[in-house]
Amino acid sequence: MPTWIDDSLPDNIADFRAAVFDVDGTLARDDSQISDRTIAALTRLADTGVDIIIATGRTAPAAVSILHEVGASGYAIACNGAITVHTDRDEAVSTMPIRDAVFDAAVDYCRSVDVQVAIFTPTALYCDRKAEAWHFLHGSNEGMIPHVADPTTVPPRDRLKFMIYVSHEQDETVGPELRTRFPEVMKTLPEYYEINEPGVDKWVGVKAALEDLRIDPGEALGMGDSENDLSWLPRIGMPIAMGNAFDSVVAECSYQIGSSEDDRAAAFIERWAEFRISSGLIEPIDNIA
C-alpha cells in the first residue's frame, strides 16, 4: 500500500524536476472545474523552475488552456496520448488517430447495445446524441460545445479518442463485453470507457515530453486517479494516487494524498513550491531582480 502524505512531503522531494498531472479526478473537482487555488499553486510551482506537463483525456484545446492559465509554456498531452501540443507552437507535435477497423468495430458494438458515444478530434467534440455524455463533455472541456453527429461522419484522420457512456444499469453486461472485444479499453470515470488506437496511451506523450526536456523519468513526479494513468505512473520516479483513485492505480503508486474534491493536489503543490523556495533550490520568478 502507498504511504499517505496528505500533509507532508516525501523526504526526497528535492530530486524532482518535472511534474505530470492528470486533470479529471486529480486537478479537477467532481464538477470538472479546476479551482483558482490549484491554478495559483501550479503557477507558483512553475515559477520555481519545475516543468509542468498536463496528461489528460480531455481535448487538446482544453489541456492547452490549463497551461495558459498557469502562465507556463510546456506540453499538453491530450486524448490519452493521441495528441501532444506544445504551447509555444501553433500545431500539434504528434497525432495518432484510431484506425478504421478499430473505430468501426467500436461503433457497431455501441450501436448494438444502444450506449452513447463521443468522438474527440484535434479541435472538436462529437456526440451521437444530446444526452448525459454531451452535458458532461460540455462541462469538462472549457465550455467547448460538442457537435451532435453520426460518429462515422468524423474524418478518419481526426478520430483520436472514442468515449462511451455506460450507465450503472448497463455496466454489469456492457463493461465486461467492452473489455473482451477491446482489450486496451480504459475505464476513466464511473460511467465512462475510452478507446484509443492500440499502443497509444499517455506514456507515449509523457516519455516524449521528458526526453525533449532532457529530464529522466526518475526525476518526474506525477499524480493520477484512473485507468488511463496506469501507462505512465509506474514509469516515473514518484507516482502519487489521489484519494479518489481506482484501486488499480493506488496499487501502482508509492504515495497517496486526499481527494480531488478537497483540492488536495493544490495543497501538495503549494507545499512543494514553498519547500523549493525555502530550501534555496531556486528563487520564485517574481522575486528575481
C-alpha atoms as a PDB file:
ATOM      1  CA  MET A   1       0.000   0.000   0.000  1.00  0.00           C
ATOM      2  CA  PRO A   2       1.242   3.537  -0.722  1.00  0.00           C
ATOM      3  CA  THR A   3       2.305   5.901   2.035  1.00  0.00           C
ATOM      4  CA  TRP A   4      -0.132   8.702   2.851  1.00  0.00           C
ATOM      5  CA  ILE A   5       1.457  12.175   2.571  1.00  0.00           C
ATOM      6  CA  ASP A   6      -1.632  14.342   2.750  1.00  0.00           C
ATOM      7  CA  ASP A   7       0.020  16.932   4.989  1.00  0.00           C
ATOM      8  CA  SER A   8       3.686  16.316   4.305  1.00  0.00           C
ATOM      9  CA  LEU A   9       6.288  15.870   1.568  1.00  0.00           C
ATOM     10  CA  PRO A  10       8.409  12.812   0.741  1.00  0.00           C
ATOM     11  CA  ASP A  11      11.967  13.051   2.028  1.00  0.00           C
ATOM     12  CA  ASN A  12      13.427  13.038  -1.499  1.00  0.00           C
ATOM     13  CA  ILE A  13      11.156  15.758  -2.939  1.00  0.00           C
ATOM     14  CA  ALA A  14      14.222  17.850  -3.866  1.00  0.00           C
ATOM     15  CA  ASP A  15      15.155  15.260  -6.509  1.00  0.00           C
ATOM     16  CA  PHE A  16      12.259  16.062  -8.844  1.00  0.00           C
ATOM     17  CA  ARG A  17      12.467  18.481 -11.774  1.00  0.00           C
ATOM     18  CA  ALA A  18       9.201  17.801 -13.616  1.00  0.00           C
ATOM     19  CA  ALA A  19       5.567  17.291 -12.605  1.00  0.00           C
ATOM     20  CA  VAL A  20       2.984  15.391 -14.634  1.00  0.00           C
ATOM     21  CA  PHE A  21      -0.676  15.933 -13.800  1.00  0.00           C
ATOM     22  CA  ASP A  22      -3.839  14.187 -14.875  1.00  0.00           C
ATOM     23  CA  VAL A  23      -6.851  16.539 -14.878  1.00  0.00           C
ATOM     24  CA  ASP A  24     -10.245  14.946 -14.171  1.00  0.00           C
ATOM     25  CA  GLY A  25     -10.206  13.337 -10.751  1.00  0.00           C
ATOM     26  CA  THR A  26      -6.818  14.880  -9.996  1.00  0.00           C
ATOM     27  CA  LEU A  27      -6.535  18.612 -10.623  1.00  0.00           C
ATOM     28  CA  ALA A  28     -10.267  18.998 -11.302  1.00  0.00           C
ATOM     29  CA  ARG A  29     -13.028  18.568  -8.753  1.00  0.00           C
ATOM     30  CA  ASP A  30     -16.168  16.478  -9.211  1.00  0.00           C
ATOM     31  CA  ASP A  31     -17.801  19.354 -11.120  1.00  0.00           C
ATOM     32  CA  SER A  32     -14.967  19.098 -13.694  1.00  0.00           C
ATOM     33  CA  GLN A  33     -13.641  22.541 -12.738  1.00  0.00           C
ATOM     34  CA  ILE A  34     -10.065  23.354 -11.713  1.00  0.00           C
ATOM     35  CA  SER A  35     -10.105  25.707  -8.739  1.00  0.00           C
ATOM     36  CA  ASP A  36      -8.367  29.073  -8.651  1.00  0.00           C
ATOM     37  CA  ARG A  37      -6.299  27.690  -5.783  1.00  0.00           C
ATOM     38  CA  THR A  38      -4.999  24.876  -7.980  1.00  0.00           C
ATOM     39  CA  ILE A  39      -4.100  27.230 -10.840  1.00  0.00           C
ATOM     40  CA  ALA A  40      -2.295  29.540  -8.408  1.00  0.00           C
ATOM     41  CA  ALA A  41      -0.390  26.590  -6.906  1.00  0.00           C
ATOM     42  CA  LEU A  42       0.693  25.355 -10.336  1.00  0.00           C
ATOM     43  CA  THR A  43       1.823  28.855 -11.256  1.00  0.00           C
ATOM     44  CA  ARG A  44       3.892  29.059  -8.081  1.00  0.00           C
ATOM     45  CA  LEU A  45       5.482  25.673  -8.753  1.00  0.00           C
ATOM     46  CA  ALA A  46       6.300  26.583 -12.365  1.00  0.00           C
ATOM     47  CA  ASP A  47       7.867  29.803 -11.123  1.00  0.00           C
ATOM     48  CA  THR A  48      10.319  27.741  -9.064  1.00  0.00           C
ATOM     49  CA  GLY A  49      11.584  26.025 -12.211  1.00  0.00           C
ATOM     50  CA  VAL A  50       9.621  22.776 -12.195  1.00  0.00           C
ATOM     51  CA  ASP A  51       8.447  21.790 -15.696  1.00  0.00           C
ATOM     52  CA  ILE A  52       4.674  21.212 -15.764  1.00  0.00           C
ATOM     53  CA  ILE A  53       3.232  18.541 -18.076  1.00  0.00           C
ATOM     54  CA  ILE A  54      -0.526  18.056 -18.448  1.00  0.00           C
ATOM     55  CA  ALA A  55      -1.564  14.494 -19.371  1.00  0.00           C
ATOM     56  CA  THR A  56      -5.316  14.179 -19.763  1.00  0.00           C
ATOM     57  CA  GLY A  57      -8.147  12.504 -21.586  1.00  0.00           C
ATOM     58  CA  ARG A  58      -9.598  15.939 -22.383  1.00  0.00           C
ATOM     59  CA  THR A  59      -9.307  17.642 -25.752  1.00  0.00           C
ATOM     60  CA  ALA A  60      -6.084  19.367 -26.788  1.00  0.00           C
ATOM     61  CA  PRO A  61      -7.569  22.900 -26.574  1.00  0.00           C
ATOM     62  CA  ALA A  62      -8.795  22.180 -23.027  1.00  0.00           C
ATOM     63  CA  ALA A  63      -5.399  20.812 -21.987  1.00  0.00           C
ATOM     64  CA  VAL A  64      -3.513  23.735 -23.521  1.00  0.00           C
ATOM     65  CA  SER A  65      -5.812  26.235 -21.816  1.00  0.00           C
ATOM     66  CA  ILE A  66      -4.706  24.928 -18.410  1.00  0.00           C
ATOM     67  CA  LEU A  67      -1.082  25.769 -19.145  1.00  0.00           C
ATOM     68  CA  HIS A  68      -2.141  29.157 -20.475  1.00  0.00           C
ATOM     69  CA  GLU A  69      -3.960  29.842 -17.191  1.00  0.00           C
ATOM     70  CA  VAL A  70      -0.873  28.788 -15.276  1.00  0.00           C
ATOM     71  CA  GLY A  71       1.225  31.087 -17.437  1.00  0.00           C
ATOM     72  CA  ALA A  72       3.745  28.375 -18.261  1.00  0.00           C
ATOM     73  CA  SER A  73       4.887  27.048 -21.599  1.00  0.00           C
ATOM     74  CA  GLY A  74       5.057  23.295 -21.866  1.00  0.00           C
ATOM     75  CA  TYR A  75       3.499  20.084 -23.060  1.00  0.00           C
ATOM     76  CA  ALA A  76      -0.207  19.293 -23.111  1.00  0.00           C
ATOM     77  CA  ILE A  77      -0.820  15.587 -23.742  1.00  0.00           C
ATOM     78  CA  ALA A  78      -4.495  15.129 -24.591  1.00  0.00           C
ATOM     79  CA  CYS A  79      -6.967  12.446 -25.661  1.00  0.00           C
ATOM     80  CA  ASN A  80      -4.997   9.888 -23.592  1.00  0.00           C
ATOM     81  CA  GLY A  81      -1.819  10.486 -25.595  1.00  0.00           C
ATOM     82  CA  ALA A  82      -3.361  10.561 -29.059  1.00  0.00           C
ATOM     83  CA  ILE A  83      -2.315  14.195 -29.472  1.00  0.00           C
ATOM     84  CA  THR A  84       0.506  16.229 -27.964  1.00  0.00           C
ATOM     85  CA  VAL A  85       0.761  20.001 -28.206  1.00  0.00           C
ATOM     86  CA  HIS A  86       3.497  22.343 -27.026  1.00  0.00           C
ATOM     87  CA  THR A  87       2.085  25.702 -26.002  1.00  0.00           C
ATOM     88  CA  ASP A  88       4.836  27.555 -27.895  1.00  0.00           C
ATOM     89  CA  ARG A  89       3.708  26.033 -31.209  1.00  0.00           C
ATOM     90  CA  ASP A  90       0.556  26.524 -33.228  1.00  0.00           C
ATOM     91  CA  GLU A  91       0.315  22.908 -34.391  1.00  0.00           C
ATOM     92  CA  ALA A  92       0.263  19.516 -32.712  1.00  0.00           C
ATOM     93  CA  VAL A  93       3.612  17.859 -32.132  1.00  0.00           C
ATOM     94  CA  SER A  94       2.011  14.494 -32.904  1.00  0.00           C
ATOM     95  CA  THR A  95      -1.396  12.924 -33.579  1.00  0.00           C
ATOM     96  CA  MET A  96      -2.278   9.224 -33.547  1.00  0.00           C
ATOM     97  CA  PRO A  97      -5.812   8.571 -34.856  1.00  0.00           C
ATOM     98  CA  ILE A  98      -7.802   5.367 -34.445  1.00  0.00           C
ATOM     99  CA  ARG A  99      -7.649   3.027 -37.436  1.00  0.00           C
ATOM    100  CA  ASP A 100     -10.862   2.285 -39.302  1.00  0.00           C
ATOM    101  CA  ALA A 101     -11.015  -1.354 -38.205  1.00  0.00           C
ATOM    102  CA  VAL A 102     -10.953  -0.455 -34.503  1.00  0.00           C
ATOM    103  CA  PHE A 103     -13.213   2.562 -34.898  1.00  0.00           C
ATOM    104  CA  ASP A 104     -15.832   0.737 -36.995  1.00  0.00           C
ATOM    105  CA  ALA A 105     -15.923  -2.206 -34.584  1.00  0.00           C
ATOM    106  CA  ALA A 106     -16.473   0.170 -31.647  1.00  0.00           C
ATOM    107  CA  VAL A 107     -19.276   2.000 -33.449  1.00  0.00           C
ATOM    108  CA  ASP A 108     -21.003  -1.255 -34.410  1.00  0.00           C
ATOM    109  CA  TYR A 109     -20.860  -2.659 -30.894  1.00  0.00           C
ATOM    110  CA  CYS A 110     -22.060   0.541 -29.227  1.00  0.00           C
ATOM    111  CA  ARG A 111     -24.987   0.761 -31.609  1.00  0.00           C
ATOM    112  CA  SER A 112     -25.907  -2.863 -30.893  1.00  0.00           C
ATOM    113  CA  VAL A 113     -26.246  -2.170 -27.152  1.00  0.00           C
ATOM    114  CA  ASP A 114     -27.541   1.415 -27.510  1.00  0.00           C
ATOM    115  CA  VAL A 115     -24.912   3.269 -25.479  1.00  0.00           C
ATOM    116  CA  GLN A 116     -23.899   6.882 -26.003  1.00  0.00           C
ATOM    117  CA  VAL A 117     -20.758   7.616 -27.993  1.00  0.00           C
ATOM    118  CA  ALA A 118     -18.449  10.642 -28.203  1.00  0.00           C
ATOM    119  CA  ILE A 119     -15.533  11.255 -30.554  1.00  0.00           C
ATOM    120  CA  PHE A 120     -12.584  13.504 -29.701  1.00  0.00           C
ATOM    121  CA  THR A 121     -10.763  15.238 -32.574  1.00  0.00           C
ATOM    122  CA  PRO A 122      -7.795  17.654 -32.538  1.00  0.00           C
ATOM    123  CA  THR A 123     -10.083  20.662 -32.154  1.00  0.00           C
ATOM    124  CA  ALA A 124     -13.654  19.481 -31.517  1.00  0.00           C
ATOM    125  CA  LEU A 125     -16.019  17.041 -29.814  1.00  0.00           C
ATOM    126  CA  TYR A 126     -18.810  14.995 -31.404  1.00  0.00           C
ATOM    127  CA  CYS A 127     -21.634  13.147 -29.625  1.00  0.00           C
ATOM    128  CA  ASP A 128     -24.148  10.817 -31.229  1.00  0.00           C
ATOM    129  CA  ARG A 129     -26.965  12.417 -29.205  1.00  0.00           C
ATOM    130  CA  LYS A 130     -27.579  15.259 -26.777  1.00  0.00           C
ATOM    131  CA  ALA A 131     -27.747  13.325 -23.523  1.00  0.00           C
ATOM    132  CA  GLU A 132     -25.576  12.574 -20.473  1.00  0.00           C
ATOM    133  CA  ALA A 133     -22.254  12.367 -22.351  1.00  0.00           C
ATOM    134  CA  TRP A 134     -22.950  15.608 -24.214  1.00  0.00           C
ATOM    135  CA  HIS A 135     -23.612  17.501 -20.978  1.00  0.00           C
ATOM    136  CA  PHE A 136     -20.574  16.021 -19.228  1.00  0.00           C
ATOM    137  CA  LEU A 137     -18.206  16.905 -22.059  1.00  0.00           C
ATOM    138  CA  HIS A 138     -19.611  20.401 -22.346  1.00  0.00           C
ATOM    139  CA  GLY A 139     -18.793  20.968 -18.676  1.00  0.00           C
ATOM    140  CA  SER A 140     -15.350  19.355 -18.654  1.00  0.00           C
ATOM    141  CA  ASN A 141     -13.683  20.831 -21.731  1.00  0.00           C
ATOM    142  CA  GLU A 142     -13.503  24.548 -21.018  1.00  0.00           C
ATOM    143  CA  GLY A 143     -17.002  25.243 -22.331  1.00  0.00           C
ATOM    144  CA  MET A 144     -16.412  23.580 -25.715  1.00  0.00           C
ATOM    145  CA  ILE A 145     -19.829  22.772 -27.192  1.00  0.00           C
ATOM    146  CA  PRO A 146     -19.949  19.211 -28.600  1.00  0.00           C
ATOM    147  CA  HIS A 147     -21.466  18.753 -32.052  1.00  0.00           C
ATOM    148  CA  VAL A 148     -24.264  16.217 -32.407  1.00  0.00           C
ATOM    149  CA  ALA A 149     -23.449  13.974 -35.363  1.00  0.00           C
ATOM    150  CA  ASP A 150     -23.174  10.417 -36.606  1.00  0.00           C
ATOM    151  CA  PRO A 151     -19.723   9.225 -35.417  1.00  0.00           C
ATOM    152  CA  THR A 152     -18.965   7.761 -38.850  1.00  0.00           C
ATOM    153  CA  THR A 153     -19.084  11.235 -40.408  1.00  0.00           C
ATOM    154  CA  VAL A 154     -15.982  12.342 -38.473  1.00  0.00           C
ATOM    155  CA  PRO A 155     -12.976  12.208 -40.861  1.00  0.00           C
ATOM    156  CA  PRO A 156     -10.733   9.205 -40.140  1.00  0.00           C
ATOM    157  CA  ARG A 157      -7.621  11.363 -39.640  1.00  0.00           C
ATOM    158  CA  ASP A 158      -9.398  13.228 -36.810  1.00  0.00           C
ATOM    159  CA  ARG A 159     -10.655  10.260 -34.755  1.00  0.00           C
ATOM    160  CA  LEU A 160      -8.329  10.488 -31.768  1.00  0.00           C
ATOM    161  CA  LYS A 161     -10.426   9.075 -28.941  1.00  0.00           C
ATOM    162  CA  PHE A 162     -13.641   7.061 -28.676  1.00  0.00           C
ATOM    163  CA  MET A 163     -15.571   7.659 -25.438  1.00  0.00           C
ATOM    164  CA  ILE A 164     -18.527   5.533 -24.335  1.00  0.00           C
ATOM    165  CA  TYR A 165     -21.109   6.409 -21.706  1.00  0.00           C
ATOM    166  CA  VAL A 166     -22.293   3.272 -19.887  1.00  0.00           C
ATOM    167  CA  SER A 167     -24.936   3.718 -17.213  1.00  0.00           C
ATOM    168  CA  HIS A 168     -24.679   1.860 -13.911  1.00  0.00           C
ATOM    169  CA  GLU A 169     -27.538  -0.378 -15.042  1.00  0.00           C
ATOM    170  CA  GLN A 170     -25.743  -1.297 -18.295  1.00  0.00           C
ATOM    171  CA  ASP A 171     -22.264  -1.655 -16.826  1.00  0.00           C
ATOM    172  CA  GLU A 172     -22.739  -5.168 -15.482  1.00  0.00           C
ATOM    173  CA  THR A 173     -23.084  -6.547 -19.018  1.00  0.00           C
ATOM    174  CA  VAL A 174     -21.570  -3.879 -21.308  1.00  0.00           C
ATOM    175  CA  GLY A 175     -18.402  -3.297 -19.263  1.00  0.00           C
ATOM    176  CA  PRO A 176     -17.086  -6.892 -19.415  1.00  0.00           C
ATOM    177  CA  GLU A 177     -18.037  -7.152 -23.089  1.00  0.00           C
ATOM    178  CA  LEU A 178     -16.116  -3.980 -23.913  1.00  0.00           C
ATOM    179  CA  ARG A 179     -13.036  -5.359 -22.155  1.00  0.00           C
ATOM    180  CA  THR A 180     -13.329  -8.629 -24.096  1.00  0.00           C
ATOM    181  CA  ARG A 181     -13.789  -7.004 -27.505  1.00  0.00           C
ATOM    182  CA  PHE A 182     -11.325  -4.147 -26.944  1.00  0.00           C
ATOM    183  CA  PRO A 183      -8.542  -5.354 -24.598  1.00  0.00           C
ATOM    184  CA  GLU A 184      -6.979  -1.888 -24.310  1.00  0.00           C
ATOM    185  CA  VAL A 185     -10.235  -0.132 -23.323  1.00  0.00           C
ATOM    186  CA  MET A 186      -9.873   2.013 -20.193  1.00  0.00           C
ATOM    187  CA  LYS A 187     -12.435   2.965 -17.575  1.00  0.00           C
ATOM    188  CA  THR A 188     -11.664   6.567 -16.723  1.00  0.00           C
ATOM    189  CA  LEU A 189     -14.722   7.578 -14.693  1.00  0.00           C
ATOM    190  CA  PRO A 190     -17.522   5.527 -13.106  1.00  0.00           C
ATOM    191  CA  GLU A 191     -19.709   5.758 -16.222  1.00  0.00           C
ATOM    192  CA  TYR A 192     -17.131   6.222 -18.989  1.00  0.00           C
ATOM    193  CA  TYR A 193     -14.938   3.872 -21.021  1.00  0.00           C
ATOM    194  CA  GLU A 194     -12.407   5.087 -23.579  1.00  0.00           C
ATOM    195  CA  ILE A 195     -10.739   3.553 -26.619  1.00  0.00           C
ATOM    196  CA  ASN A 196      -7.656   4.806 -28.444  1.00  0.00           C
ATOM    197  CA  GLU A 197      -5.602   3.338 -31.237  1.00  0.00           C
ATOM    198  CA  PRO A 198      -3.928   0.226 -29.750  1.00  0.00           C
ATOM    199  CA  GLY A 199      -0.492   1.156 -28.444  1.00  0.00           C
ATOM    200  CA  VAL A 200      -1.442   4.783 -27.854  1.00  0.00           C
ATOM    201  CA  ASP A 201      -1.504   5.930 -24.231  1.00  0.00           C
ATOM    202  CA  LYS A 202      -0.406   8.806 -22.016  1.00  0.00           C
ATOM    203  CA  TRP A 203       3.072   7.316 -21.567  1.00  0.00           C
ATOM    204  CA  VAL A 204       3.778   7.854 -25.275  1.00  0.00           C
ATOM    205  CA  GLY A 205       3.339  11.601 -24.775  1.00  0.00           C
ATOM    206  CA  VAL A 206       4.889  11.811 -21.297  1.00  0.00           C
ATOM    207  CA  LYS A 207       8.016   9.932 -22.414  1.00  0.00           C
ATOM    208  CA  ALA A 208       8.466  12.167 -25.472  1.00  0.00           C
ATOM    209  CA  ALA A 209       7.964  15.334 -23.390  1.00  0.00           C
ATOM    210  CA  LEU A 210      10.517  14.255 -20.778  1.00  0.00           C
ATOM    211  CA  GLU A 211      13.021  13.343 -23.477  1.00  0.00           C
ATOM    212  CA  ASP A 212      12.616  16.760 -25.087  1.00  0.00           C
ATOM    213  CA  LEU A 213      13.097  18.428 -21.690  1.00  0.00           C
ATOM    214  CA  ARG A 214      16.143  16.199 -21.065  1.00  0.00           C
ATOM    215  CA  ILE A 215      14.645  15.013 -17.811  1.00  0.00           C
ATOM    216  CA  ASP A 216      14.938  11.375 -16.773  1.00  0.00           C
ATOM    217  CA  PRO A 217      11.601   9.730 -15.870  1.00  0.00           C
ATOM    218  CA  GLY A 218      13.092   9.087 -12.433  1.00  0.00           C
ATOM    219  CA  GLU A 219      13.195  12.862 -11.909  1.00  0.00           C
ATOM    220  CA  ALA A 220       9.465  13.251 -12.576  1.00  0.00           C
ATOM    221  CA  LEU A 221       6.646  13.338 -10.019  1.00  0.00           C
ATOM    222  CA  GLY A 222       3.091  12.642 -11.138  1.00  0.00           C
ATOM    223  CA  MET A 223      -0.495  12.441  -9.916  1.00  0.00           C
ATOM    224  CA  GLY A 224      -3.380  10.459 -11.336  1.00  0.00           C
ATOM    225  CA  ASP A 225      -6.534   8.557 -10.478  1.00  0.00           C
ATOM    226  CA  SER A 226      -7.889   6.283 -13.213  1.00  0.00           C
ATOM    227  CA  GLU A 227      -7.020   3.532 -15.679  1.00  0.00           C
ATOM    228  CA  ASN A 228      -5.656   5.892 -18.313  1.00  0.00           C
ATOM    229  CA  ASP A 229      -2.920   6.814 -15.809  1.00  0.00           C
ATOM    230  CA  LEU A 230      -1.665   3.252 -15.428  1.00  0.00           C
ATOM    231  CA  SER A 231       0.523   3.518 -18.528  1.00  0.00           C
ATOM    232  CA  TRP A 232       2.780   6.217 -17.085  1.00  0.00           C
ATOM    233  CA  LEU A 233       2.565   6.427 -13.286  1.00  0.00           C
ATOM    234  CA  PRO A 234       4.622   3.248 -12.646  1.00  0.00           C
ATOM    235  CA  ARG A 235       7.343   4.530 -15.013  1.00  0.00           C
ATOM    236  CA  ILE A 236       8.188   7.765 -13.194  1.00  0.00           C
ATOM    237  CA  GLY A 237      10.179   8.472 -10.057  1.00  0.00           C
ATOM    238  CA  MET A 238       7.330   9.451  -7.747  1.00  0.00           C
ATOM    239  CA  PRO A 239       3.824   8.197  -8.641  1.00  0.00           C
ATOM    240  CA  ILE A 240       1.093   9.638  -6.414  1.00  0.00           C
ATOM    241  CA  ALA A 241      -2.508   8.393  -6.323  1.00  0.00           C
ATOM    242  CA  MET A 242      -5.401  10.618  -5.382  1.00  0.00           C
ATOM    243  CA  GLY A 243      -7.639   9.604  -2.504  1.00  0.00           C
ATOM    244  CA  ASN A 244     -10.402   9.010  -5.039  1.00  0.00           C
ATOM    245  CA  ALA A 245      -8.188   6.900  -7.339  1.00  0.00           C
ATOM    246  CA  PHE A 246      -9.173   3.491  -8.667  1.00  0.00           C
ATOM    247  CA  ASP A 247      -7.753   0.608  -6.602  1.00  0.00           C
ATOM    248  CA  SER A 248      -5.652  -0.475  -9.591  1.00  0.00           C
ATOM    249  CA  VAL A 249      -3.975   2.943  -9.637  1.00  0.00           C
ATOM    250  CA  VAL A 250      -3.386   3.023  -5.884  1.00  0.00           C
ATOM    251  CA  ALA A 251      -1.638  -0.345  -6.154  1.00  0.00           C
ATOM    252  CA  GLU A 252       0.904   1.103  -8.618  1.00  0.00           C
ATOM    253  CA  CYS A 253       1.764   4.239  -6.635  1.00  0.00           C
ATOM    254  CA  SER A 254       4.318   4.946  -3.921  1.00  0.00           C
ATOM    255  CA  TYR A 255       2.279   7.664  -2.237  1.00  0.00           C
ATOM    256  CA  GLN A 256      -1.337   8.738  -1.835  1.00  0.00           C
ATOM    257  CA  ILE A 257      -2.997  12.034  -0.941  1.00  0.00           C
ATOM    258  CA  GLY A 258      -6.586  13.103  -0.340  1.00  0.00           C
ATOM    259  CA  SER A 259      -9.438  13.666  -2.744  1.00  0.00           C
ATOM    260  CA  SER A 260      -9.516  15.975  -5.761  1.00  0.00           C
ATOM    261  CA  GLU A 261     -12.823  17.296  -4.444  1.00  0.00           C
ATOM    262  CA  ASP A 262     -10.926  18.751  -1.470  1.00  0.00           C
ATOM    263  CA  ASP A 263      -8.178  20.371  -3.585  1.00  0.00           C
ATOM    264  CA  ARG A 264      -5.562  18.033  -2.107  1.00  0.00           C
ATOM    265  CA  ALA A 265      -3.421  18.259  -5.254  1.00  0.00           C
ATOM    266  CA  ALA A 266      -3.286  22.034  -4.782  1.00  0.00           C
ATOM    267  CA  ALA A 267      -2.274  21.636  -1.134  1.00  0.00           C
ATOM    268  CA  PHE A 268       0.572  19.290  -2.082  1.00  0.00           C
ATOM    269  CA  ILE A 269       1.767  21.565  -4.889  1.00  0.00           C
ATOM    270  CA  GLU A 270       1.763  24.548  -2.517  1.00  0.00           C
ATOM    271  CA  ARG A 271       3.952  22.680  -0.024  1.00  0.00           C
ATOM    272  CA  TRP A 272       6.334  21.579  -2.777  1.00  0.00           C
ATOM    273  CA  ALA A 273       6.701  25.107  -4.158  1.00  0.00           C
ATOM    274  CA  GLU A 274       7.328  26.587  -0.721  1.00  0.00           C
ATOM    275  CA  PHE A 275       9.890  23.871   0.008  1.00  0.00           C
ATOM    276  CA  ARG A 276      11.800  24.727  -3.158  1.00  0.00           C
ATOM    277  CA  ILE A 277      11.822  28.413  -2.242  1.00  0.00           C
ATOM    278  CA  SER A 278      12.691  27.990   1.433  1.00  0.00           C
ATOM    279  CA  SER A 279      15.408  25.436   0.640  1.00  0.00           C
ATOM    280  CA  GLY A 280      17.080  27.826  -1.776  1.00  0.00           C
ATOM    281  CA  LEU A 281      16.690  25.439  -4.712  1.00  0.00           C
ATOM    282  CA  ILE A 282      15.511  28.348  -6.808  1.00  0.00           C
ATOM    283  CA  GLU A 283      14.020  31.786  -6.235  1.00  0.00           C
ATOM    284  CA  PRO A 284      10.454  32.388  -7.451  1.00  0.00           C
ATOM    285  CA  ILE A 285      10.411  34.377 -10.701  1.00  0.00           C
ATOM    286  CA  ASP A 286       8.598  37.331  -9.154  1.00  0.00           C
ATOM    287  CA  ASN A 287      11.473  37.735  -6.686  1.00  0.00           C
ATOM    288  CA  ILE A 288      14.216  37.715  -9.310  1.00  0.00           C
ATOM    289  CA  ALA A 289      15.596  41.214  -9.941  1.00  0.00           C
END
